[in-house]
Amino acid sequence: MNQPDAYKLLSDEMAAYRALRYGELAELVGPPKVRIVRGVDSTEYAVEVIVRWRNGERGELLVEGWIAANDCGPLHRLDESFIVPVC
């Protein structure tokens, strides 16, 4: 895993979620969304993002993202998360 590349890919993916409003994120509560992305060195990465209620329904939202290389090597997962307050 190219860690700087993976961090950048995960950060870019999470930035798209950070740009959403509370109501838009609330509609995404549910199973994880998984996307395959390719790094600058052509390594494939699986990016998984889950949006869930932090302290019960209709409260704060927790958005968590992970990235792992799809190269059958040792599993290295990087993660990032943020909380969206009720508006």
N, C-alpha and C. Protein backbone atom coordinates (compact mmCIF):
# COMPACT_ATOMS: atom_id res chain seq x y z
N MET A 1 0.85 -1.18 0.00
CA MET A 1 0.00 0.00 0.00
C MET A 1 0.89 1.23 0.00
N ASN A 2 0.58 2.12 -0.91
CA ASN A 2 1.26 3.42 -0.96
C ASN A 2 0.48 4.34 -0.02
N GLN A 3 0.95 4.49 1.22
CA GLN A 3 0.16 5.20 2.22
C GLN A 3 -0.15 6.65 1.86
N PRO A 4 0.78 7.44 1.36
CA PRO A 4 0.41 8.82 1.00
C PRO A 4 -0.69 8.85 -0.07
N ASP A 5 -0.59 7.98 -1.05
CA ASP A 5 -1.60 7.90 -2.11
C ASP A 5 -2.95 7.47 -1.53
N ALA A 6 -2.93 6.45 -0.66
CA ALA A 6 -4.16 5.96 -0.05
C ALA A 6 -4.81 7.04 0.82
N TYR A 7 -4.02 7.75 1.60
CA TYR A 7 -4.57 8.84 2.41
C TYR A 7 -5.23 9.89 1.53
N LYS A 8 -4.61 10.21 0.42
CA LYS A 8 -5.16 11.22 -0.50
C LYS A 8 -6.48 10.73 -1.09
N LEU A 9 -6.53 9.48 -1.52
CA LEU A 9 -7.75 8.92 -2.09
C LEU A 9 -8.89 8.91 -1.06
N LEU A 10 -8.57 8.50 0.16
CA LEU A 10 -9.58 8.48 1.21
C LEU A 10 -10.03 9.90 1.55
N SER A 11 -9.10 10.81 1.64
CA SER A 11 -9.43 12.20 1.95
C SER A 11 -10.33 12.80 0.87
N ASP A 12 -10.03 12.51 -0.38
CA ASP A 12 -10.86 13.01 -1.49
C ASP A 12 -12.28 12.44 -1.41
N GLU A 13 -12.38 11.17 -1.10
CA GLU A 13 -13.69 10.52 -0.99
C GLU A 13 -14.49 11.13 0.16
N MET A 14 -13.84 11.33 1.29
CA MET A 14 -14.52 11.89 2.46
C MET A 14 -14.90 13.35 2.23
N ALA A 15 -14.12 14.08 1.44
CA ALA A 15 -14.45 15.48 1.13
C ALA A 15 -15.79 15.58 0.43
N ALA A 16 -16.10 14.60 -0.41
CA ALA A 16 -17.39 14.60 -1.11
C ALA A 16 -18.53 14.45 -0.09
N TYR A 17 -18.32 13.64 0.93
CA TYR A 17 -19.34 13.48 1.97
C TYR A 17 -19.42 14.72 2.86
N ARG A 18 -18.28 15.34 3.16
CA ARG A 18 -18.27 16.56 3.97
C ARG A 18 -19.05 17.69 3.29
N ALA A 19 -19.12 17.66 1.99
CA ALA A 19 -19.80 18.72 1.23
C ALA A 19 -21.32 18.58 1.28
N LEU A 20 -21.81 17.43 1.73
CA LEU A 20 -23.26 17.21 1.77
C LEU A 20 -23.87 17.85 3.01
N ARG A 21 -25.12 18.27 2.88
CA ARG A 21 -25.86 18.81 4.01
C ARG A 21 -26.37 17.67 4.89
N TYR A 22 -26.79 18.03 6.09
CA TYR A 22 -27.29 17.05 7.06
C TYR A 22 -28.38 16.18 6.44
N GLY A 23 -29.37 16.79 5.81
CA GLY A 23 -30.48 16.03 5.23
C GLY A 23 -30.02 15.06 4.16
N GLU A 24 -29.05 15.46 3.36
CA GLU A 24 -28.53 14.58 2.31
C GLU A 24 -27.80 13.39 2.94
N LEU A 25 -27.03 13.66 3.99
CA LEU A 25 -26.32 12.57 4.67
C LEU A 25 -27.30 11.64 5.37
N ALA A 26 -28.35 12.20 5.96
CA ALA A 26 -29.34 11.37 6.65
C ALA A 26 -29.97 10.36 5.69
N GLU A 27 -30.13 10.73 4.45
CA GLU A 27 -30.68 9.81 3.45
C GLU A 27 -29.73 8.65 3.14
N LEU A 28 -28.45 8.81 3.48
CA LEU A 28 -27.45 7.78 3.20
C LEU A 28 -27.24 6.82 4.36
N VAL A 29 -27.96 7.03 5.48
CA VAL A 29 -27.83 6.12 6.62
C VAL A 29 -28.23 4.73 6.16
N GLY A 30 -27.38 3.76 6.45
CA GLY A 30 -27.66 2.39 6.04
C GLY A 30 -26.39 1.63 5.79
N PRO A 31 -26.46 0.67 4.89
CA PRO A 31 -25.29 -0.18 4.65
C PRO A 31 -24.13 0.64 4.08
N PRO A 32 -22.91 0.13 4.25
CA PRO A 32 -21.74 0.83 3.73
C PRO A 32 -21.80 0.96 2.20
N LYS A 33 -21.24 2.05 1.73
CA LYS A 33 -21.07 2.26 0.29
C LYS A 33 -19.62 1.92 -0.02
N VAL A 34 -19.39 1.04 -0.98
CA VAL A 34 -18.04 0.61 -1.33
C VAL A 34 -17.76 1.01 -2.76
N ARG A 35 -16.59 1.59 -2.94
CA ARG A 35 -16.17 2.01 -4.28
C ARG A 35 -14.73 1.57 -4.50
N ILE A 36 -14.44 1.11 -5.69
CA ILE A 36 -13.06 0.74 -6.05
C ILE A 36 -12.44 1.93 -6.77
N VAL A 37 -11.28 2.37 -6.28
CA VAL A 37 -10.57 3.49 -6.89
C VAL A 37 -9.15 3.04 -7.21
N ARG A 38 -8.52 3.72 -8.14
CA ARG A 38 -7.17 3.37 -8.55
C ARG A 38 -6.21 4.48 -8.15
N GLY A 39 -5.10 4.08 -7.54
CA GLY A 39 -4.08 5.03 -7.12
C GLY A 39 -3.17 5.43 -8.27
N VAL A 40 -2.25 6.35 -8.00
CA VAL A 40 -1.34 6.84 -9.04
C VAL A 40 -0.41 5.74 -9.56
N ASP A 41 -0.15 4.72 -8.72
CA ASP A 41 0.70 3.61 -9.16
C ASP A 41 -0.12 2.44 -9.69
N SER A 42 -1.40 2.68 -10.00
CA SER A 42 -2.34 1.70 -10.54
C SER A 42 -2.82 0.66 -9.52
N THR A 43 -2.45 0.81 -8.26
CA THR A 43 -2.97 -0.08 -7.23
C THR A 43 -4.46 0.19 -7.05
N GLU A 44 -5.25 -0.87 -6.95
CA GLU A 44 -6.68 -0.72 -6.69
C GLU A 44 -6.91 -0.71 -5.19
N TYR A 45 -7.77 0.21 -4.78
CA TYR A 45 -8.13 0.34 -3.37
C TYR A 45 -9.65 0.24 -3.24
N ALA A 46 -10.08 -0.39 -2.16
CA ALA A 46 -11.51 -0.41 -1.83
C ALA A 46 -11.74 0.68 -0.79
N VAL A 47 -12.62 1.61 -1.11
CA VAL A 47 -13.00 2.67 -0.18
C VAL A 47 -14.41 2.36 0.30
N GLU A 48 -14.56 2.29 1.62
CA GLU A 48 -15.85 1.97 2.22
C GLU A 48 -16.26 3.14 3.12
N VAL A 49 -17.47 3.63 2.93
CA VAL A 49 -17.99 4.74 3.74
C VAL A 49 -19.34 4.33 4.29
N ILE A 50 -19.52 4.56 5.57
CA ILE A 50 -20.80 4.27 6.21
C ILE A 50 -21.27 5.53 6.94
N VAL A 51 -22.54 5.81 6.79
CA VAL A 51 -23.18 6.93 7.49
C VAL A 51 -24.18 6.31 8.45
N ARG A 52 -24.07 6.69 9.73
CA ARG A 52 -24.98 6.13 10.73
C ARG A 52 -25.31 7.17 11.78
N TRP A 53 -26.38 6.90 12.51
CA TRP A 53 -26.76 7.77 13.61
C TRP A 53 -25.76 7.56 14.73
N ARG A 54 -25.31 8.65 15.34
CA ARG A 54 -24.30 8.54 16.39
C ARG A 54 -24.91 8.16 17.73
N ASN A 55 -25.98 8.80 18.13
CA ASN A 55 -26.59 8.56 19.44
C ASN A 55 -28.10 8.35 19.31
N GLY A 56 -28.47 7.51 18.42
CA GLY A 56 -29.90 7.28 18.22
C GLY A 56 -30.41 8.03 17.01
N GLU A 57 -31.51 7.59 16.50
CA GLU A 57 -32.07 8.14 15.28
C GLU A 57 -32.38 9.63 15.40
N ARG A 58 -32.14 10.34 14.33
CA ARG A 58 -32.41 11.77 14.17
C ARG A 58 -31.55 12.65 15.07
N GLY A 59 -30.38 12.16 15.39
CA GLY A 59 -29.42 12.96 16.15
C GLY A 59 -28.22 13.26 15.28
N GLU A 60 -27.08 13.32 15.91
CA GLU A 60 -25.84 13.55 15.18
C GLU A 60 -25.58 12.37 14.24
N LEU A 61 -24.93 12.68 13.13
CA LEU A 61 -24.53 11.64 12.18
C LEU A 61 -23.04 11.39 12.30
N LEU A 62 -22.65 10.15 12.20
CA LEU A 62 -21.24 9.77 12.17
C LEU A 62 -20.95 9.23 10.78
N VAL A 63 -19.96 9.81 10.13
CA VAL A 63 -19.55 9.37 8.80
C VAL A 63 -18.14 8.78 8.94
N GLU A 64 -18.01 7.50 8.63
CA GLU A 64 -16.73 6.82 8.77
C GLU A 64 -16.30 6.27 7.42
N GLY A 65 -15.04 6.43 7.12
CA GLY A 65 -14.50 5.92 5.87
C GLY A 65 -13.23 5.13 6.09
N TRP A 66 -13.06 4.08 5.31
CA TRP A 66 -11.87 3.24 5.36
C TRP A 66 -11.37 3.01 3.95
N ILE A 67 -10.09 2.76 3.85
CA ILE A 67 -9.52 2.39 2.55
C ILE A 67 -8.54 1.25 2.79
N ALA A 68 -8.54 0.29 1.89
CA ALA A 68 -7.62 -0.84 1.95
C ALA A 68 -7.20 -1.18 0.54
N ALA A 69 -5.96 -1.62 0.39
CA ALA A 69 -5.46 -2.01 -0.92
C ALA A 69 -6.09 -3.34 -1.33
N ASN A 70 -6.42 -3.44 -2.61
CA ASN A 70 -6.99 -4.66 -3.19
C ASN A 70 -5.89 -5.46 -3.87
N ASP A 71 -4.76 -5.64 -3.19
CA ASP A 71 -3.61 -6.27 -3.86
C ASP A 71 -3.24 -7.63 -3.27
N CYS A 72 -4.09 -8.19 -2.43
CA CYS A 72 -3.86 -9.49 -1.81
C CYS A 72 -2.62 -9.53 -0.92
N GLY A 73 -2.08 -8.36 -0.62
CA GLY A 73 -0.96 -8.29 0.31
C GLY A 73 -1.48 -8.16 1.73
N PRO A 74 -0.60 -7.82 2.66
CA PRO A 74 -1.05 -7.62 4.04
C PRO A 74 -2.12 -6.53 4.10
N LEU A 75 -3.11 -6.74 4.93
CA LEU A 75 -4.21 -5.78 5.03
C LEU A 75 -3.77 -4.59 5.87
N HIS A 76 -3.76 -3.44 5.25
CA HIS A 76 -3.50 -2.17 5.93
C HIS A 76 -4.72 -1.30 5.65
N ARG A 77 -5.40 -0.91 6.70
CA ARG A 77 -6.58 -0.06 6.54
C ARG A 77 -6.29 1.29 7.14
N LEU A 78 -6.63 2.31 6.41
CA LEU A 78 -6.54 3.67 6.90
C LEU A 78 -7.97 4.16 7.10
N ASP A 79 -8.19 5.00 8.10
CA ASP A 79 -9.56 5.43 8.33
C ASP A 79 -9.61 6.94 8.61
N GLU A 80 -10.80 7.47 8.42
CA GLU A 80 -11.09 8.87 8.69
C GLU A 80 -12.57 8.95 9.04
N SER A 81 -12.93 9.85 9.94
CA SER A 81 -14.33 9.99 10.31
C SER A 81 -14.61 11.44 10.69
N PHE A 82 -15.90 11.79 10.67
CA PHE A 82 -16.33 13.09 11.15
C PHE A 82 -17.77 13.01 11.62
N ILE A 83 -18.14 13.95 12.47
CA ILE A 83 -19.48 13.99 13.06
C ILE A 83 -20.21 15.22 12.50
N VAL A 84 -21.48 15.04 12.16
CA VAL A 84 -22.32 16.12 11.66
C VAL A 84 -23.38 16.39 12.71
N PRO A 85 -23.41 17.60 13.29
CA PRO A 85 -24.41 17.90 14.32
C PRO A 85 -25.80 18.08 13.70
N VAL A 86 -26.80 17.96 14.53
CA VAL A 86 -28.18 18.18 14.10
C VAL A 86 -28.33 19.65 13.76
N CYS A 87 -28.99 19.92 12.64
CA CYS A 87 -29.22 21.31 12.24
C CYS A 87 -30.68 21.66 12.39
